[in-house]
Amino acid sequence: MSRKCEICGKGTISGNNVPRKGLPKKKGGAGQHIGVKTKRLFRPNLVKVKAMVGGKPQSIKVCTRCLKAGKVVKA
């Protein structure tokens, strides 16, 4: 099973980890220096839930946003 919401399809996406050194100019510093960017992953907040799928109780992975919105009928 992949890291993907079975209701909306939200999954893992990649991005950059950007380290910043120094105090920003707004706060009275000399400015920020951005270091070497490294790859990172943004993972969805998934929960295993027993839900009704096709009239039968089944265990599925659902993101918490779908759960809160009431898109899932719990069994």
C-alpha atoms as a PDB file:
ATOM      1  CA  MET A   1       0.000   0.000   0.000  1.00  0.00           C
ATOM      2  CA  SER A   2       1.350   3.393  -0.958  1.00  0.00           C
ATOM      3  CA  ARG A   3       1.317   6.572   1.103  1.00  0.00           C
ATOM      4  CA  LYS A   4      -1.772   7.950  -0.586  1.00  0.00           C
ATOM      5  CA  CYS A   5      -5.246   8.929   0.607  1.00  0.00           C
ATOM      6  CA  GLU A   6      -7.792   6.564  -0.902  1.00  0.00           C
ATOM      7  CA  ILE A   7     -10.478   9.282  -0.990  1.00  0.00           C
ATOM      8  CA  CYS A   8      -8.790  12.389  -2.455  1.00  0.00           C
ATOM      9  CA  GLY A   9      -5.520  10.900  -3.754  1.00  0.00           C
ATOM     10  CA  LYS A  10      -3.238  13.154  -1.711  1.00  0.00           C
ATOM     11  CA  GLY A  11       0.255  11.643  -1.616  1.00  0.00           C
ATOM     12  CA  THR A  12       3.926  12.297  -0.922  1.00  0.00           C
ATOM     13  CA  ILE A  13       5.497  15.243  -2.744  1.00  0.00           C
ATOM     14  CA  SER A  14       9.119  16.335  -2.797  1.00  0.00           C
ATOM     15  CA  GLY A  15      10.581  19.746  -2.068  1.00  0.00           C
ATOM     16  CA  ASN A  16      13.685  21.431  -0.716  1.00  0.00           C
ATOM     17  CA  ASN A  17      15.065  21.844   2.780  1.00  0.00           C
ATOM     18  CA  VAL A  18      16.462  25.408   2.809  1.00  0.00           C
ATOM     19  CA  PRO A  19      18.788  26.277   5.705  1.00  0.00           C
ATOM     20  CA  ARG A  20      18.920  30.003   6.490  1.00  0.00           C
ATOM     21  CA  LYS A  21      21.698  31.596   8.537  1.00  0.00           C
ATOM     22  CA  GLY A  22      21.880  35.108   9.914  1.00  0.00           C
ATOM     23  CA  LEU A  23      19.374  37.670  11.126  1.00  0.00           C
ATOM     24  CA  PRO A  24      17.081  39.105   8.427  1.00  0.00           C
ATOM     25  CA  LYS A  25      17.440  42.778   7.452  1.00  0.00           C
ATOM     26  CA  LYS A  26      13.917  43.460   8.735  1.00  0.00           C
ATOM     27  CA  LYS A  27      15.058  42.519  12.223  1.00  0.00           C
ATOM     28  CA  GLY A  28      18.222  44.617  12.127  1.00  0.00           C
ATOM     29  CA  GLY A  29      20.678  42.043  10.790  1.00  0.00           C
ATOM     30  CA  ALA A  30      23.043  42.041   7.840  1.00  0.00           C
ATOM     31  CA  GLY A  31      20.752  39.763   5.826  1.00  0.00           C
ATOM     32  CA  GLN A  32      20.218  36.047   5.538  1.00  0.00           C
ATOM     33  CA  HIS A  33      22.521  33.625   3.772  1.00  0.00           C
ATOM     34  CA  ILE A  34      20.822  30.620   2.186  1.00  0.00           C
ATOM     35  CA  GLY A  35      22.908  27.468   2.361  1.00  0.00           C
ATOM     36  CA  VAL A  36      22.925  24.380   0.160  1.00  0.00           C
ATOM     37  CA  LYS A  37      19.412  23.113  -0.603  1.00  0.00           C
ATOM     38  CA  THR A  38      18.809  19.425   0.041  1.00  0.00           C
ATOM     39  CA  LYS A  39      15.840  17.347  -1.003  1.00  0.00           C
ATOM     40  CA  ARG A  40      13.115  16.412   1.488  1.00  0.00           C
ATOM     41  CA  LEU A  41       9.663  14.818   1.453  1.00  0.00           C
ATOM     42  CA  PHE A  42       6.321  16.282   2.452  1.00  0.00           C
ATOM     43  CA  ARG A  43       4.200  13.356   3.620  1.00  0.00           C
ATOM     44  CA  PRO A  44       0.419  13.441   4.070  1.00  0.00           C
ATOM     45  CA  ASN A  45      -1.125  12.928   7.501  1.00  0.00           C
ATOM     46  CA  LEU A  46      -2.701   9.501   6.949  1.00  0.00           C
ATOM     47  CA  VAL A  47      -4.782   7.433   9.353  1.00  0.00           C
ATOM     48  CA  LYS A  48      -5.888   3.810   8.998  1.00  0.00           C
ATOM     49  CA  VAL A  49      -9.677   3.728   9.395  1.00  0.00           C
ATOM     50  CA  LYS A  50     -12.276   0.991   9.168  1.00  0.00           C
ATOM     51  CA  ALA A  51     -14.825   2.413   6.738  1.00  0.00           C
ATOM     52  CA  MET A  52     -17.784   1.226   4.703  1.00  0.00           C
ATOM     53  CA  VAL A  53     -16.633   0.583   1.124  1.00  0.00           C
ATOM     54  CA  GLY A  54     -19.280  -0.827  -1.197  1.00  0.00           C
ATOM     55  CA  GLY A  55     -21.482  -1.797   1.746  1.00  0.00           C
ATOM     56  CA  LYS A  56     -18.709  -3.801   3.452  1.00  0.00           C
ATOM     57  CA  PRO A  57     -16.375  -2.722   6.294  1.00  0.00           C
ATOM     58  CA  GLN A  58     -12.830  -2.358   5.002  1.00  0.00           C
ATOM     59  CA  SER A  59      -9.594  -0.911   6.386  1.00  0.00           C
ATOM     60  CA  ILE A  60      -8.406   2.069   4.288  1.00  0.00           C
ATOM     61  CA  LYS A  61      -5.827   4.840   4.564  1.00  0.00           C
ATOM     62  CA  VAL A  62      -7.425   8.296   4.691  1.00  0.00           C
ATOM     63  CA  CYS A  63      -5.921  11.758   5.160  1.00  0.00           C
ATOM     64  CA  THR A  64      -7.138  13.625   8.233  1.00  0.00           C
ATOM     65  CA  ARG A  65      -8.580  16.428   6.074  1.00  0.00           C
ATOM     66  CA  CYS A  66     -11.020  13.984   4.430  1.00  0.00           C
ATOM     67  CA  LEU A  67     -11.852  12.477   7.814  1.00  0.00           C
ATOM     68  CA  LYS A  68     -12.607  15.911   9.304  1.00  0.00           C
ATOM     69  CA  ALA A  69     -14.699  16.924   6.274  1.00  0.00           C
ATOM     70  CA  GLY A  70     -16.918  13.848   6.760  1.00  0.00           C
ATOM     71  CA  LYS A  71     -16.096  12.231   3.413  1.00  0.00           C
ATOM     72  CA  VAL A  72     -15.630   8.852   5.143  1.00  0.00           C
ATOM     73  CA  VAL A  73     -18.422   6.705   6.641  1.00  0.00           C
ATOM     74  CA  LYS A  74     -16.856   4.815   9.535  1.00  0.00           C
ATOM     75  CA  ALA A  75     -17.814   1.190  10.143  1.00  0.00           C
END
